[in-house]
Protein backbone atom coordinates (compact mmCIF):
# COMPACT_ATOMS: atom_id res chain seq x y z
CA MET A 1 -101.94 -11.20 38.27
CA SER A 2 -102.91 -11.16 41.96
CA ALA A 3 -101.73 -13.82 44.47
CA ALA A 4 -105.47 -14.94 44.88
CA MET A 5 -105.49 -15.84 41.13
CA LEU A 6 -102.61 -18.40 41.82
CA LYS A 7 -103.77 -22.08 41.45
CA LEU A 8 -102.75 -24.53 44.35
CA ALA A 9 -101.52 -27.89 43.00
CA LEU A 10 -100.86 -30.88 45.19
CA GLY A 11 -98.00 -32.89 43.61
CA PRO A 12 -97.69 -36.68 43.46
CA ILE A 13 -97.05 -38.63 46.82
CA LEU A 14 -93.31 -39.28 46.51
CA THR A 15 -92.95 -41.84 49.34
CA TYR A 16 -94.72 -45.11 49.93
CA TRP A 17 -97.89 -45.42 51.77
CA PRO A 18 -100.27 -48.14 52.59
CA ARG A 19 -103.33 -48.40 50.13
CA ASP A 20 -105.95 -47.53 52.79
CA GLU A 21 -103.85 -44.45 53.79
CA VAL A 22 -103.72 -43.22 50.20
CA PHE A 23 -107.45 -43.46 49.60
CA ALA A 24 -108.17 -41.81 53.03
CA PHE A 25 -105.69 -38.98 52.00
CA TYR A 26 -107.46 -38.32 48.69
CA GLN A 27 -110.73 -38.30 50.37
CA MET A 28 -109.46 -35.32 52.34
CA VAL A 29 -107.93 -33.82 49.30
CA ALA A 30 -111.27 -33.88 47.46
CA ASP A 31 -112.42 -31.29 50.10
CA SER A 32 -109.27 -29.15 50.37
CA ALA A 33 -108.22 -26.04 48.64
CA ALA A 34 -106.16 -27.67 45.99
CA ASP A 35 -107.06 -26.73 42.45
CA ILE A 36 -105.02 -29.32 40.70
CA VAL A 37 -103.99 -32.78 41.87
CA TYR A 38 -101.25 -34.91 40.42
CA LEU A 39 -101.56 -38.68 40.87
CA GLY A 40 -99.34 -41.78 40.47
CA GLU A 41 -96.05 -43.37 41.28
CA THR A 42 -93.14 -41.27 40.22
CA VAL A 43 -90.27 -43.11 42.12
CA CYS A 44 -90.23 -46.82 41.75
CA SER A 45 -92.39 -49.34 39.86
CA ARG A 46 -91.97 -51.98 42.62
CA ARG A 47 -94.45 -50.04 44.72
CA HIS A 48 -97.76 -51.77 44.03
CA GLU A 49 -100.13 -50.73 46.68
CA LEU A 50 -102.19 -49.00 43.94
CA ARG A 51 -102.58 -49.99 40.20
CA LEU A 52 -103.33 -47.78 37.42
CA SER A 53 -106.94 -48.67 37.72
CA ASP A 54 -106.82 -47.49 41.36
CA TRP A 55 -105.38 -44.23 40.52
CA LEU A 56 -108.10 -43.74 37.94
CA ASP A 57 -110.71 -44.33 40.46
CA VAL A 58 -109.05 -41.64 42.68
CA ALA A 59 -108.70 -39.40 39.64
CA ASP A 60 -112.62 -39.80 38.99
CA LEU A 61 -113.42 -39.04 42.63
CA LEU A 62 -111.22 -35.79 42.52
CA ALA A 63 -112.55 -34.74 39.19
CA ALA A 64 -116.06 -35.11 40.55
CA SER A 65 -115.00 -32.73 43.39
CA GLY A 66 -113.89 -30.12 40.76
CA LYS A 67 -110.23 -30.74 40.78
CA GLN A 68 -108.10 -30.75 37.70
CA VAL A 69 -106.40 -34.28 37.81
CA VAL A 70 -103.09 -34.94 36.17
CA LEU A 71 -101.59 -38.47 36.09
CA SER A 72 -97.82 -38.37 36.67
CA SER A 73 -95.25 -40.64 34.98
CA GLN A 74 -92.30 -42.40 36.52
CA THR A 75 -89.21 -40.28 36.52
CA LEU A 76 -86.56 -42.96 35.66
CA ILE A 77 -87.74 -45.57 33.20
CA GLU A 78 -85.38 -48.56 33.20
CA SER A 79 -87.23 -51.69 31.78
CA GLY A 80 -89.76 -52.70 29.29
CA SER A 81 -92.35 -53.21 31.95
CA GLU A 82 -91.91 -49.55 33.13
CA LEU A 83 -92.33 -48.46 29.63
CA ALA A 84 -95.50 -50.44 29.15
CA ALA A 85 -96.89 -48.79 32.18
CA LEU A 86 -95.95 -45.40 30.85
CA ARG A 87 -97.73 -46.13 27.47
CA LYS A 88 -100.91 -47.12 29.57
CA ILE A 89 -100.87 -43.92 31.34
CA ALA A 90 -100.34 -41.99 28.15
CA ASP A 91 -103.44 -43.83 26.75
CA ASN A 92 -105.66 -43.23 29.77
CA GLY A 93 -108.04 -41.16 27.44
CA ARG A 94 -109.50 -38.94 30.24
CA TYR A 95 -106.71 -37.09 32.03
CA LEU A 96 -103.68 -34.86 31.38
CA VAL A 97 -100.25 -36.55 31.93
CA GLU A 98 -97.31 -35.15 33.67
CA ALA A 99 -94.17 -36.05 31.67
CA ASN A 100 -91.25 -36.57 33.87
CA ASP A 101 -88.68 -37.69 31.41
CA MET A 102 -88.12 -37.11 27.69
CA GLY A 103 -89.27 -40.58 26.82
CA ALA A 104 -92.76 -39.62 28.30
CA VAL A 105 -92.72 -36.59 26.06
CA SER A 106 -92.02 -38.91 23.06
CA CYS A 107 -94.96 -41.00 23.95
CA LEU A 108 -97.10 -37.97 24.39
CA GLN A 109 -96.10 -35.57 21.73
CA ASN A 110 -98.73 -34.05 19.51
CA ARG A 111 -101.22 -36.93 20.78
CA VAL A 112 -102.01 -36.27 24.50
CA PRO A 113 -101.85 -32.66 26.20
CA PHE A 114 -99.27 -32.96 28.79
CA VAL A 115 -97.51 -31.22 31.60
CA ALA A 116 -93.69 -30.73 31.41
CA GLY A 117 -92.56 -32.05 34.82
CA PRO A 118 -89.73 -30.58 37.05
CA HIS A 119 -87.22 -33.06 35.92
CA LEU A 120 -87.12 -32.24 32.28
CA ASN A 121 -84.19 -29.67 32.76
CA VAL A 122 -86.06 -26.72 31.15
CA TYR A 123 -83.56 -23.81 31.32
CA ASN A 124 -83.94 -21.78 28.16
CA GLY A 125 -86.63 -20.39 25.81
CA PRO A 126 -85.96 -22.68 22.86
CA ILE A 127 -86.73 -25.85 24.86
CA LEU A 128 -89.84 -24.26 26.44
CA ALA A 129 -91.01 -23.34 23.02
CA LEU A 130 -90.29 -27.01 21.77
CA LEU A 131 -92.11 -28.54 24.56
CA ALA A 132 -95.11 -26.21 23.92
CA GLY A 133 -95.01 -27.13 20.22
CA LEU A 134 -95.12 -30.84 21.17
CA GLY A 135 -98.34 -30.22 23.12
CA ALA A 136 -97.32 -29.06 26.76
CA ARG A 137 -99.99 -27.09 28.46
CA ARG A 138 -98.00 -26.41 31.40
CA TRP A 139 -94.40 -26.60 32.64
CA VAL A 140 -93.01 -26.76 36.02
CA MET A 141 -89.87 -24.81 36.81
CA PRO A 142 -86.70 -26.87 37.85
CA LEU A 143 -86.30 -27.02 41.63
CA GLU A 144 -82.90 -25.14 41.49
CA MET A 145 -83.92 -22.37 39.12
CA GLY A 146 -84.07 -18.94 40.91
CA ARG A 147 -86.66 -16.19 40.37
CA ASP A 148 -84.53 -14.15 38.12
CA ALA A 149 -83.76 -16.96 35.75
CA LEU A 150 -87.37 -17.65 35.75
CA ALA A 151 -88.17 -14.09 34.78
CA ALA A 152 -85.98 -14.40 31.87
CA LEU A 153 -87.80 -17.52 30.65
CA LEU A 154 -91.19 -15.86 31.20
CA ALA A 155 -90.29 -13.01 29.11
CA THR A 156 -90.35 -15.47 25.91
CA ARG A 157 -92.85 -17.83 27.25
CA PRO A 158 -95.07 -19.19 24.41
CA ALA A 159 -98.78 -18.03 24.62
CA GLY A 160 -101.11 -20.18 26.70
CA LEU A 161 -98.30 -22.17 28.42
CA GLU A 162 -98.78 -22.08 32.24
CA THR A 163 -96.05 -21.87 34.67
CA GLU A 164 -95.75 -23.95 37.95
CA VAL A 165 -93.36 -23.47 40.72
CA PHE A 166 -92.50 -26.05 43.35
CA GLY A 167 -93.41 -24.22 46.67
CA PHE A 168 -93.41 -26.58 49.57
CA GLY A 169 -92.02 -29.76 50.73
CA ARG A 170 -88.82 -31.77 50.88
CA MET A 171 -87.21 -31.27 47.31
CA PRO A 172 -86.78 -34.39 45.11
CA LEU A 173 -83.18 -33.87 44.34
CA ALA A 174 -82.02 -36.69 42.31
CA PHE A 175 -82.80 -40.40 41.20
CA SER A 176 -80.59 -43.44 40.86
CA ALA A 177 -80.90 -47.00 39.56
CA ARG A 178 -80.00 -48.05 43.20
CA CYS A 179 -82.39 -48.32 46.08
CA PHE A 180 -80.72 -46.42 48.95
CA THR A 181 -83.59 -47.56 51.36
CA ALA A 182 -83.03 -51.17 50.69
CA ARG A 183 -79.26 -50.83 50.84
CA ASN A 184 -79.51 -49.26 54.35
CA ARG A 185 -80.97 -52.61 55.31
CA ASN A 186 -78.36 -54.62 53.46
CA LEU A 187 -80.93 -55.81 50.90
CA PRO A 188 -80.65 -55.80 47.17
CA LYS A 189 -83.05 -53.69 45.06
CA ASP A 190 -84.88 -56.76 43.51
CA ASP A 191 -85.44 -58.04 47.00
CA CYS A 192 -86.03 -54.78 48.97
CA ARG A 193 -89.07 -56.12 50.98
CA PHE A 194 -90.87 -52.96 50.25
CA SER A 195 -88.69 -51.29 52.94
CA CYS A 196 -89.82 -47.75 51.93
CA ILE A 197 -93.21 -48.33 53.26
CA GLU A 198 -91.90 -48.28 56.94
CA HIS A 199 -90.63 -44.70 56.30
CA PRO A 200 -93.86 -42.84 55.10
CA ASP A 201 -91.86 -39.60 55.03
CA GLY A 202 -88.42 -41.08 53.88
CA LEU A 203 -85.50 -41.98 55.87
CA LEU A 204 -83.46 -39.13 57.23
CA LEU A 205 -79.76 -39.21 56.62
CA ARG A 206 -77.64 -37.12 59.06
CA THR A 207 -74.02 -36.15 58.92
CA ARG A 208 -71.28 -37.39 61.30
CA ASP A 209 -72.09 -34.36 63.59
CA ALA A 210 -75.81 -35.20 63.62
CA GLN A 211 -76.92 -32.41 61.21
CA PRO A 212 -79.89 -33.26 58.98
CA PHE A 213 -78.47 -33.82 55.49
CA LEU A 214 -80.59 -35.69 52.93
CA VAL A 215 -83.68 -38.01 53.13
CA LEU A 216 -83.64 -41.34 51.27
CA ASN A 217 -86.82 -42.47 49.61
CA GLY A 218 -85.92 -45.54 47.72
CA THR A 219 -84.37 -44.65 44.40
CA GLN A 220 -84.88 -41.00 45.12
CA THR A 221 -82.84 -38.51 47.17
CA GLN A 222 -84.70 -35.64 48.84
CA SER A 223 -83.56 -32.44 50.80
CA ALA A 224 -83.76 -32.82 54.61
CA LEU A 225 -85.01 -29.35 55.04
CA VAL A 226 -88.42 -28.27 53.76
CA TYR A 227 -88.49 -25.88 50.78
CA ASN A 228 -91.09 -23.15 51.81
CA LEU A 229 -92.13 -20.27 49.66
CA VAL A 230 -95.56 -19.52 51.32
CA GLY A 231 -94.24 -15.84 51.70
CA GLU A 232 -93.35 -15.43 47.92
CA LEU A 233 -96.72 -16.04 46.48
CA ALA A 234 -97.38 -12.31 45.76
CA ASP A 235 -93.96 -12.20 44.09
CA MET A 236 -94.71 -15.18 41.99
CA ALA A 237 -97.91 -13.92 40.73
CA ALA A 238 -96.27 -10.40 39.83
CA ARG A 239 -93.74 -12.33 37.80
CA GLY A 240 -96.27 -14.39 35.89
CA VAL A 241 -96.37 -17.65 37.89
CA ASP A 242 -99.80 -19.44 37.44
CA VAL A 243 -99.47 -22.52 39.79
CA VAL A 244 -97.70 -23.22 43.03
CA ARG A 245 -97.03 -26.84 43.77
CA ILE A 246 -97.30 -28.33 47.41
CA SER A 247 -95.68 -31.81 47.97
CA PRO A 248 -97.70 -34.25 49.99
CA GLN A 249 -96.29 -35.20 53.56
CA TRP A 250 -97.57 -38.14 55.79
CA ARG A 251 -99.43 -35.86 58.15
CA GLY A 252 -100.59 -32.14 57.71
CA SER A 253 -101.05 -31.77 53.91
CA GLY A 254 -104.41 -30.45 54.46
CA GLU A 255 -103.31 -27.77 56.94
CA VAL A 256 -100.35 -26.88 54.57
CA LEU A 257 -102.88 -26.45 51.74
CA ALA A 258 -105.10 -24.20 53.96
CA ALA A 259 -102.21 -22.05 54.89
CA PHE A 260 -101.17 -21.45 51.37
CA ASP A 261 -104.78 -20.81 50.46
CA GLN A 262 -104.83 -18.10 53.08
CA ALA A 263 -101.70 -16.75 51.94
CA ARG A 264 -102.77 -16.40 48.17
CA ARG A 265 -106.02 -14.68 49.50
CA GLY A 266 -103.99 -11.95 51.23
CA ALA A 267 -103.02 -13.30 54.68
CA ALA A 268 -99.82 -11.77 55.95
CA ALA A 269 -96.62 -13.90 55.37
CA ALA A 270 -95.90 -13.90 59.12
CA ASP A 271 -99.50 -15.35 59.84
CA ALA A 272 -99.08 -18.01 57.10
CA GLN A 273 -95.59 -19.03 58.47
CA ARG A 274 -97.25 -19.50 62.03
CA GLN A 275 -99.98 -21.52 60.56
CA LEU A 276 -97.38 -23.80 58.84
CA ALA A 277 -95.13 -24.17 61.80
CA PRO A 278 -96.67 -27.09 63.42
CA TRP A 279 -96.61 -29.17 60.19
CA LEU A 280 -93.09 -28.46 59.18
CA GLN A 281 -91.05 -31.78 59.34
CA ALA A 282 -87.79 -29.94 59.59
CA ASP A 283 -86.33 -26.38 59.29
CA ALA A 284 -87.46 -24.54 56.20
CA CYS A 285 -85.24 -23.29 53.30
CA ASP A 286 -85.87 -21.08 50.30
CA GLY A 287 -82.40 -20.33 48.92
CA TYR A 288 -82.92 -21.58 45.32
CA TRP A 289 -85.75 -19.03 44.83
CA PHE A 290 -83.35 -16.23 45.69
CA GLY A 291 -80.29 -17.53 43.54
CA GLN A 292 -78.52 -18.82 46.59
CA PRO A 293 -77.61 -22.44 47.90
CA GLY A 294 -80.87 -24.35 48.25
CA MET A 295 -80.48 -25.00 52.09
CA HIS A 296 -80.11 -21.31 52.78
CA SER A 297 -83.18 -19.52 54.26
CA ALA A 298 -82.65 -16.43 52.20
CA SER A 299 -85.68 -14.56 53.37
CA GLY A 300 -84.84 -15.22 57.01
CA ALA A 301 -88.22 -16.99 57.59
CA GLN A 302 -88.12 -20.12 59.53
CA ALA A 303 -91.62 -21.29 60.39
């Protein structure tokens, strides 16, 4: 497969944005190079700027623009209300669902086609075959998996199952029952005052010697560096990857999508890196893809 045949996916918005900003963002996305768009709240159920009915309105807009729409489920389910919200997403009747934990798989199995999200810990052929048998149409490679381990899985991939790789953005590394953004303000999780909305790209955490370390995003921890595989699209395609995912950021997502679109159409990697440079929130990294520590820039490319 040539890189030109790679599909571009825009992942769910991981941080917390005001309602009007979300609608304006997806108006832009409707005219962008994205082929697939993931929608919904995956981090915290207290974020309520948009309800499911709003997400479905956005989904209809994007579907009318020719995008494949996927509704993403919350990653950490902790309450009965969150389980009820998951069931409503599973019963939407119109769109694919991204299952981000095995509870979501249980709700969807053999009933609704789904995408096996990046947090399901798929590291071997048998679990990939199990998910395909339960109705998965696509799976997203775990963030820390390298290209060689991916090649081993793709050698036995079930027929018809697409593969998606996280290719750009701050990496969602971990989830917790605690809200770190609220804790930073000495607030309890249940009275967080929606602190996340003040940090639309997350809250940067530095080491004592002032080096970027992590980004706090409510109950989620992200990498401080930006994972950037724009120079690896041809390699991905050659290995059998079908989709590359770009994670939204507060500003510049349209430009990032355009750079990846040019790269998949044959633009030189150096040109794509230069096109991305003004929109990087931090230094780039790509270590995981090459089997190295994630914060390394194994390719040597720092846009």
